[in-house]
Amino acid sequence: MAQDQPENTYLVGGAVRDSLLGLSAAERDWVVVGSNAAEMKAAGFIQVGKDFPVFLHPETKEEYALARTERKVRPGHAGFETDSSDNITLEQDLRRRDLTINAIAQDTNGNLIDPYHGCEDLELQIIRHVSNAFDEDPLRVLRVARFAARFSPLGFQVADETRMLCEAMVSRGDLSELPAERVFQEMAKALALDHPQIFFSFLKGISADKHLWPELNDPAIDLLAKTTKDTSSVQRFAILFCHSPVDKIKFRCQQLKTPRQYQALAVNCSQHMSIWNQVSSLSPEEIVGFFYDLDAIRQPDRFQEFNATCGQIAQARASTGHEQGSWINCLSIISNITSADVDGSLKGPAIGEAIRRLQIEAIESHHED
C-alpha cells in the first residue's frame, strides 16, 4: 500500500486556514486533482464516500477527496449532483466551497493556491462567501454563524454582502430544507466555543431564529454570554432554555433530535430552579422531597450537573449562588442513609418510608447545628 501522497495532492480547508492564523488544526483534509477512483484504490486508498469519492489514506487515515464540482438539482441540503472526473481543476474545486478563508489550498512544497483571495480576507478578518453558489446549501447560514462565533476573539466580522445573502436565504425559507441532525450538529459545535452567544445573535439578527428556535430571546442569549466559563455544551443548552416552559423544551428537543441528556437537564432547570433558589426557606421534608423528585440519591452525577448549572445562572443574575453549596451539603448528609440503618423487621414500602424519615431527621439535625 502507498505511503506517499498521490500526485497533484493539496492540503485544503480548515487546516490551511488555521495554520495561517497560527492555530492548531484538529484534522487535515486533502484534495487530489487529475485522478480517479480506480487509481486511488490501486494505490491502496480506501473509498468511504458514496455521493462523491472520498478515500482514507491506508496508514494515516486522513481523508483524500477527488477534486469535484457540485450542482444543485433538487431541494434539500444533499440535493447536489457531483462531478469528480479527472478533468476538474483545483480552482473549480475551491470555488464550490463556502467561504474564501476555507478556499485556500497548499501544495506539498508549501506553496499557497488562493484564487478567491482567502488570504486577503484572513488579513482583513472578514468572513465572506466565495460565490453566489453559496446559497445552494442552507447549512452554510449556520456555518457562517459558527465561524463568526469561533473567530470573534480574533476580530473577525461577517461581510455585509454575506450577511445579506444569508438573510435572503432565510427569508426564502431555505432553512426548512435542513435535516434536524445537521442543525443540531452545528448548534452543538457552536455551544462548545468560547463565545457561543455570537452564533445565536447572528442567527437572530437575520431572523433565522424564528425558524430554528423562536423561544430563544435576547435575555436568553445574554444569559448564555454570562455563563460560558466552566460550563459544558449540555449545560449551555439548558441555560439557553431555562426560562422556556417544559412543553416547549420537549418540543424543541424533539424537533432538533437532541441527545437525551440535553433535554433532561434543560427540563430540570426549567421545572425545578425556582425551588432550588429557595433552599434556605424550605423545610427538611421539602428538601428531601426535592432530592427524590430529581432522583438525586440514585443519580448524584446528574444532580451535580443540575446544581452547578443553577449555580451558574444564579451568579449571572448577580445572586450569591450560595444555594449550590447548601444543596451539596444536604445531599451528602442523606446519601449514606440506607436500609441498613432502619429496623430490620420492616418490609416493602415501609423500608423506604423509614429511610425517608431518617433523612428528614438528618436534615433537621443539620439545621439545628
Protein backbone atom coordinates (compact mmCIF):
# COMPACT_ATOMS: atom_id res chain seq x y z
CA MET A 1 0.00 0.00 0.00
CA ALA A 2 1.16 3.50 -0.78
CA GLN A 3 2.76 5.57 1.92
CA ASP A 4 3.33 8.69 -0.18
CA GLN A 5 0.94 11.33 -1.41
CA PRO A 6 -0.74 10.82 -4.79
CA GLU A 7 0.45 13.26 -7.45
CA ASN A 8 -1.26 16.66 -7.56
CA THR A 9 -2.37 16.47 -3.94
CA TYR A 10 -3.22 19.61 -1.98
CA LEU A 11 -3.97 20.35 1.64
CA VAL A 12 -7.25 22.27 1.78
CA GLY A 13 -9.82 23.88 4.04
CA GLY A 14 -9.54 24.37 7.76
CA ALA A 15 -6.02 23.01 8.14
CA VAL A 16 -4.63 25.67 5.79
CA ARG A 17 -6.78 28.42 7.27
CA ASP A 18 -5.89 27.62 10.87
CA SER A 19 -2.19 27.29 10.08
CA LEU A 20 -2.20 30.77 8.54
CA LEU A 21 -3.95 32.06 11.67
CA GLY A 22 -1.38 30.41 13.92
CA LEU A 23 -3.93 27.96 15.29
CA SER A 24 -3.61 24.20 15.65
CA ALA A 25 -5.75 22.17 13.28
CA ALA A 26 -7.69 19.19 14.60
CA GLU A 27 -7.51 17.31 11.30
CA ARG A 28 -6.18 17.62 7.78
CA ASP A 29 -8.17 17.19 4.57
CA TRP A 30 -6.67 16.69 1.14
CA VAL A 31 -7.91 17.07 -2.44
CA VAL A 32 -6.45 15.10 -5.33
CA VAL A 33 -6.56 16.62 -8.83
CA GLY A 34 -6.43 14.65 -12.08
CA SER A 35 -7.07 11.22 -10.60
CA ASN A 36 -9.98 8.81 -10.35
CA ALA A 37 -11.40 6.18 -8.04
CA ALA A 38 -9.66 3.28 -9.77
CA GLU A 39 -6.24 4.92 -9.43
CA MET A 40 -6.84 5.77 -5.76
CA LYS A 41 -7.88 2.22 -4.94
CA ALA A 42 -4.91 0.81 -6.85
CA ALA A 43 -2.66 2.98 -4.70
CA GLY A 44 -4.11 1.40 -1.55
CA PHE A 45 -6.62 4.10 -0.56
CA ILE A 46 -9.92 3.00 0.97
CA GLN A 47 -13.07 4.51 -0.52
CA VAL A 48 -15.65 5.73 2.01
CA GLY A 49 -17.75 8.25 0.05
CA LYS A 50 -20.86 7.29 -1.89
CA ASP A 51 -22.12 10.61 -3.27
CA PHE A 52 -18.58 11.62 -4.22
CA PRO A 53 -15.30 9.73 -3.95
CA VAL A 54 -13.60 10.23 -0.60
CA PHE A 55 -10.78 7.95 0.40
CA LEU A 56 -8.82 7.18 3.56
CA HIS A 57 -5.05 7.02 3.44
CA PRO A 58 -4.10 3.42 4.28
CA GLU A 59 -1.78 4.49 7.10
CA THR A 60 -2.65 8.00 8.32
CA LYS A 61 -6.42 7.52 7.80
CA GLU A 62 -6.64 11.14 6.68
CA GLU A 63 -9.31 11.96 4.10
CA TYR A 64 -8.42 12.42 0.45
CA ALA A 65 -11.20 13.59 -1.87
CA LEU A 66 -11.10 13.76 -5.64
CA ALA A 67 -11.46 17.32 -6.92
CA ARG A 68 -15.11 17.89 -7.74
CA THR A 69 -17.79 20.34 -8.71
CA GLU A 70 -21.36 20.39 -7.44
CA ARG A 71 -24.64 21.48 -9.00
CA LYS A 72 -27.94 21.86 -7.17
CA VAL A 73 -30.50 19.61 -8.87
CA ARG A 74 -33.20 19.19 -6.21
CA PRO A 75 -34.28 20.79 -2.93
CA GLY A 76 -32.54 19.84 0.28
CA HIS A 77 -29.12 20.03 1.85
CA ALA A 78 -27.99 16.90 -0.03
CA GLY A 79 -29.67 17.69 -3.35
CA PHE A 80 -26.48 18.06 -5.37
CA GLU A 81 -25.15 16.40 -8.50
CA THR A 82 -21.39 15.85 -8.25
CA ASP A 83 -18.76 15.69 -10.97
CA SER A 84 -15.43 14.24 -9.81
CA SER A 85 -13.98 13.42 -13.22
CA ASP A 86 -10.23 13.72 -13.66
CA ASN A 87 -10.50 16.96 -15.66
CA ILE A 88 -11.80 19.01 -12.69
CA THR A 89 -9.26 21.67 -11.75
CA LEU A 90 -8.19 22.73 -8.28
CA GLU A 91 -9.72 26.18 -8.87
CA GLN A 92 -13.06 24.60 -9.74
CA ASP A 93 -12.96 22.51 -6.58
CA LEU A 94 -12.13 25.51 -4.41
CA ARG A 95 -14.91 27.57 -5.98
CA ARG A 96 -17.61 25.21 -4.65
CA ARG A 97 -16.50 25.86 -1.04
CA ASP A 98 -18.43 28.13 1.27
CA LEU A 99 -16.06 30.85 2.43
CA THR A 100 -12.94 32.41 0.95
CA ILE A 101 -10.95 31.63 4.09
CA ASN A 102 -11.85 27.95 3.59
CA ALA A 103 -10.96 28.00 -0.12
CA ILE A 104 -7.17 28.17 0.19
CA ALA A 105 -5.04 25.20 -0.85
CA GLN A 106 -1.41 24.35 -0.17
CA ASP A 107 0.76 22.08 -2.31
CA THR A 108 3.27 19.58 -0.97
CA ASN A 109 6.03 22.22 -1.21
CA GLY A 110 4.13 24.65 1.00
CA ASN A 111 3.03 26.98 -1.79
CA LEU A 112 -0.42 28.53 -1.39
CA ILE A 113 -3.06 28.45 -4.12
CA ASP A 114 -5.61 31.16 -3.36
CA PRO A 115 -7.77 32.03 -6.39
CA TYR A 116 -10.56 33.59 -4.30
CA HIS A 117 -8.44 35.86 -2.09
CA GLY A 118 -8.91 33.99 1.17
CA CYS A 119 -5.51 35.12 2.45
CA GLU A 120 -6.56 38.74 1.98
CA ASP A 121 -9.77 38.10 3.92
CA LEU A 122 -7.74 36.50 6.70
CA GLU A 123 -5.71 39.70 6.89
CA LEU A 124 -8.88 41.80 6.80
CA GLN A 125 -10.58 39.49 9.35
CA ILE A 126 -13.58 39.06 7.06
CA ILE A 127 -15.91 36.07 6.73
CA ARG A 128 -17.01 36.23 3.08
CA HIS A 129 -18.69 33.75 0.73
CA VAL A 130 -16.77 32.51 -2.31
CA SER A 131 -19.52 32.81 -4.93
CA ASN A 132 -23.27 33.05 -5.35
CA ALA A 133 -23.35 29.24 -5.34
CA PHE A 134 -23.19 29.72 -1.56
CA ASP A 135 -26.97 29.99 -1.43
CA GLU A 136 -27.46 26.49 -2.82
CA ASP A 137 -26.76 24.97 0.60
CA PRO A 138 -28.76 26.42 3.53
CA LEU A 139 -26.46 24.75 6.07
CA ARG A 140 -23.93 27.42 5.18
CA VAL A 141 -26.02 30.00 7.02
CA LEU A 142 -25.36 28.13 10.26
CA ARG A 143 -21.70 27.62 9.36
CA VAL A 144 -21.26 31.37 8.87
CA ALA A 145 -22.80 31.94 12.30
CA ARG A 146 -20.47 29.35 13.84
CA PHE A 147 -17.37 30.82 12.20
CA ALA A 148 -18.44 34.26 13.39
CA ALA A 149 -18.52 32.89 16.94
CA ARG A 150 -15.31 30.90 16.65
CA PHE A 151 -13.20 33.70 15.21
CA SER A 152 -14.74 36.60 17.11
CA PRO A 153 -11.78 36.72 19.57
CA LEU A 154 -9.54 37.39 16.55
CA GLY A 155 -11.74 40.28 15.45
CA PHE A 156 -13.47 38.60 12.51
CA GLN A 157 -16.73 40.03 11.18
CA VAL A 158 -19.18 38.72 8.60
CA ALA A 159 -19.03 40.65 5.32
CA ASP A 160 -22.12 42.76 4.66
CA GLU A 161 -22.80 41.00 1.36
CA THR A 162 -22.57 37.59 3.03
CA ARG A 163 -24.89 38.63 5.83
CA MET A 164 -27.38 39.93 3.24
CA LEU A 165 -27.18 36.67 1.29
CA CYS A 166 -27.80 34.65 4.46
CA GLU A 167 -30.76 36.90 5.28
CA ALA A 168 -32.21 36.38 1.80
CA MET A 169 -31.85 32.60 2.16
CA VAL A 170 -33.70 32.71 5.49
CA SER A 171 -36.44 34.93 4.05
CA ARG A 172 -36.84 32.48 1.17
CA GLY A 173 -37.46 29.64 3.61
CA ASP A 174 -34.32 27.69 2.72
CA LEU A 175 -33.66 26.60 6.30
CA SER A 176 -36.71 24.34 6.15
CA GLU A 177 -34.68 22.06 3.87
CA LEU A 178 -32.16 21.25 6.62
CA PRO A 179 -32.24 17.89 8.40
CA ALA A 180 -32.68 18.30 12.15
CA GLU A 181 -29.50 16.35 12.82
CA ARG A 182 -27.39 18.81 10.84
CA VAL A 183 -28.95 21.81 12.58
CA PHE A 184 -28.22 20.35 15.99
CA GLN A 185 -24.71 19.36 14.90
CA GLU A 186 -23.91 22.99 14.08
CA MET A 187 -25.60 24.14 17.29
CA ALA A 188 -23.57 21.70 19.39
CA LYS A 189 -20.33 22.80 17.76
CA ALA A 190 -21.22 26.43 18.47
CA LEU A 191 -22.11 25.67 22.09
CA ALA A 192 -18.62 24.25 22.59
CA LEU A 193 -16.95 27.54 21.59
CA ASP A 194 -15.72 30.26 23.93
CA HIS A 195 -18.31 32.76 22.67
CA PRO A 196 -21.38 30.72 21.64
CA GLN A 197 -23.73 33.65 22.11
CA ILE A 198 -22.44 35.18 18.87
CA PHE A 199 -23.73 32.17 16.94
CA PHE A 200 -27.24 32.74 18.29
CA SER A 201 -27.04 36.53 17.99
CA PHE A 202 -26.04 36.35 14.33
CA LEU A 203 -28.90 33.98 13.52
CA LYS A 204 -31.34 36.17 15.45
CA GLY A 205 -30.10 39.22 13.54
CA ILE A 206 -31.07 37.64 10.22
CA SER A 207 -34.36 36.24 11.62
CA ALA A 208 -33.18 32.62 11.35
CA ASP A 209 -34.16 32.09 14.98
CA LYS A 210 -37.85 32.32 14.04
CA HIS A 211 -37.48 29.08 12.14
CA LEU A 212 -34.89 27.34 14.31
CA TRP A 213 -35.73 28.22 17.93
CA PRO A 214 -38.21 31.13 18.27
CA GLU A 215 -38.36 30.76 22.07
CA LEU A 216 -34.77 32.00 22.46
CA ASN A 217 -35.00 35.73 23.11
CA ASP A 218 -32.31 38.33 23.83
CA PRO A 219 -32.30 37.72 27.62
CA ALA A 220 -31.65 34.00 26.99
CA ILE A 221 -28.70 34.82 24.73
CA ASP A 222 -27.39 37.39 27.22
CA LEU A 223 -27.59 34.81 30.00
CA LEU A 224 -25.57 32.38 27.88
CA ALA A 225 -22.90 35.04 27.36
CA LYS A 226 -22.50 35.39 31.14
CA THR A 227 -22.23 31.66 31.86
CA THR A 228 -19.71 30.26 29.37
CA LYS A 229 -16.89 29.81 31.87
CA ASP A 230 -16.63 26.28 33.29
CA THR A 231 -19.81 25.03 31.61
CA SER A 232 -20.29 22.18 29.16
CA SER A 233 -22.29 22.25 25.94
CA VAL A 234 -25.12 20.39 27.69
CA GLN A 235 -25.20 22.99 30.47
CA ARG A 236 -25.14 25.86 27.99
CA PHE A 237 -28.10 24.37 26.14
CA ALA A 238 -30.01 24.17 29.44
CA ILE A 239 -29.07 27.76 30.29
CA LEU A 240 -30.45 28.95 26.95
CA PHE A 241 -33.78 27.22 27.53
CA CYS A 242 -34.09 27.51 31.31
CA HIS A 243 -36.84 30.15 31.05
CA SER A 244 -38.85 28.22 28.47
CA PRO A 245 -41.88 26.16 29.50
CA VAL A 246 -41.25 22.43 29.79
CA ASP A 247 -43.56 21.57 26.89
CA LYS A 248 -41.68 23.94 24.58
CA ILE A 249 -38.34 22.50 25.63
CA LYS A 250 -39.54 18.99 24.89
CA PHE A 251 -40.93 20.09 21.54
CA ARG A 252 -37.70 21.84 20.57
CA CYS A 253 -35.58 18.87 21.60
CA GLN A 254 -37.82 16.59 19.59
CA GLN A 255 -37.53 18.90 16.58
CA LEU A 256 -33.74 19.07 16.87
CA LYS A 257 -33.41 15.39 17.77
CA THR A 258 -31.09 16.24 20.62
CA PRO A 259 -29.38 13.57 22.71
CA ARG A 260 -31.38 12.66 25.79
CA GLN A 261 -29.14 14.44 28.30
CA TYR A 262 -29.75 17.83 26.68
CA GLN A 263 -33.49 17.64 27.21
CA ALA A 264 -33.17 16.15 30.70
CA LEU A 265 -31.03 18.97 32.08
CA ALA A 266 -32.97 21.75 30.32
CA VAL A 267 -36.27 20.39 31.65
CA ASN A 268 -34.91 20.08 35.17
CA CYS A 269 -33.64 23.66 35.15
CA SER A 270 -36.95 24.97 33.83
CA GLN A 271 -39.04 22.92 36.22
CA HIS A 272 -37.03 22.97 39.42
CA MET A 273 -34.79 26.03 39.56
CA SER A 274 -37.35 28.19 41.36
CA ILE A 275 -37.39 25.66 44.21
CA TRP A 276 -33.59 25.32 44.07
CA ASN A 277 -33.35 29.05 44.77
CA GLN A 278 -35.41 28.67 47.97
CA VAL A 279 -33.22 26.16 49.79
CA SER A 280 -32.84 28.40 52.85
CA SER A 281 -36.62 28.63 53.34
CA LEU A 282 -37.54 25.00 52.66
CA SER A 283 -38.43 22.56 55.39
CA PRO A 284 -36.31 19.40 55.81
CA GLU A 285 -39.21 17.40 54.38
CA GLU A 286 -39.34 19.65 51.31
CA ILE A 287 -35.58 19.36 50.82
CA VAL A 288 -35.69 15.58 50.90
CA GLY A 289 -38.71 15.61 48.60
CA PHE A 290 -36.78 17.79 46.16
CA PHE A 291 -33.95 15.26 46.07
CA TYR A 292 -36.45 12.50 45.43
CA ASP A 293 -38.08 14.45 42.60
CA LEU A 294 -34.69 14.77 40.91
CA ASP A 295 -33.61 11.21 41.74
CA ALA A 296 -30.51 12.81 43.22
CA ILE A 297 -29.55 9.97 45.56
CA ARG A 298 -29.51 7.33 42.83
CA GLN A 299 -28.07 9.67 40.17
CA PRO A 300 -25.77 12.07 42.03
CA ASP A 301 -23.77 13.00 38.92
CA ARG A 302 -26.90 14.24 37.16
CA PHE A 303 -27.87 16.23 40.23
CA GLN A 304 -24.38 17.73 40.48
CA GLU A 305 -24.68 18.88 36.86
CA PHE A 306 -28.11 20.40 37.56
CA ASN A 307 -26.83 22.03 40.75
CA ALA A 308 -23.78 23.50 39.03
CA THR A 309 -25.92 24.83 36.17
CA CYS A 310 -28.33 26.52 38.57
CA GLY A 311 -25.33 27.98 40.38
CA GLN A 312 -24.02 29.48 37.14
CA ILE A 313 -27.42 31.02 36.40
CA ALA A 314 -27.70 32.43 39.93
CA GLN A 315 -24.26 34.02 39.71
CA ALA A 316 -25.08 35.51 36.30
CA ARG A 317 -28.13 37.12 37.87
CA ALA A 318 -25.84 38.78 40.44
CA SER A 319 -27.09 36.44 43.12
CA THR A 320 -24.63 34.96 45.61
CA GLY A 321 -25.08 31.44 44.34
CA HIS A 322 -24.72 30.08 47.90
CA GLU A 323 -27.58 27.68 47.23
CA GLN A 324 -25.22 25.43 45.28
CA GLY A 325 -23.13 24.64 48.36
CA SER A 326 -26.19 24.21 50.56
CA TRP A 327 -27.64 21.57 48.25
CA ILE A 328 -24.33 19.70 48.12
CA ASN A 329 -24.17 19.63 51.92
CA CYS A 330 -27.73 18.40 52.26
CA LEU A 331 -27.24 15.66 49.69
CA SER A 332 -24.07 14.44 51.37
CA ILE A 333 -25.91 14.26 54.70
CA ILE A 334 -28.64 11.93 53.47
CA SER A 335 -26.83 9.94 50.78
CA ASN A 336 -25.35 7.37 53.15
CA ILE A 337 -28.62 6.54 54.88
CA THR A 338 -29.69 3.09 53.66
CA SER A 339 -31.87 0.13 54.59
CA ALA A 340 -29.10 -0.97 56.93
CA ASP A 341 -29.99 1.97 59.17
CA VAL A 342 -33.65 1.05 59.73
CA ASP A 343 -35.48 -1.64 61.67
CA GLY A 344 -34.69 -4.97 60.05
CA SER A 345 -38.21 -6.25 60.66
CA LEU A 346 -39.70 -3.75 58.21
CA LYS A 347 -40.87 -4.99 54.83
CA GLY A 348 -41.73 -3.50 51.41
CA PRO A 349 -42.69 0.19 51.20
CA ALA A 350 -42.22 0.56 54.95
CA ILE A 351 -38.46 0.36 54.45
CA GLY A 352 -38.47 3.30 52.07
CA GLU A 353 -40.70 5.32 54.37
CA ALA A 354 -38.35 4.67 57.30
CA ILE A 355 -35.30 5.71 55.25
CA ARG A 356 -37.05 8.90 54.25
CA ARG A 357 -37.90 9.73 57.88
CA LEU A 358 -34.25 9.25 58.85
CA GLN A 359 -33.18 11.51 56.01
CA ILE A 360 -35.58 14.23 57.12
CA GLU A 361 -34.35 13.92 60.70
CA ALA A 362 -30.74 14.19 59.50
CA ILE A 363 -31.51 17.45 57.70
CA GLU A 364 -33.34 18.73 60.79
CA SER A 365 -30.30 17.99 62.94
CA HIS A 366 -28.06 19.74 60.45
CA HIS A 367 -30.28 22.86 60.53
CA GLU A 368 -30.22 22.89 64.31
CA ASP A 369 -26.43 22.74 64.30
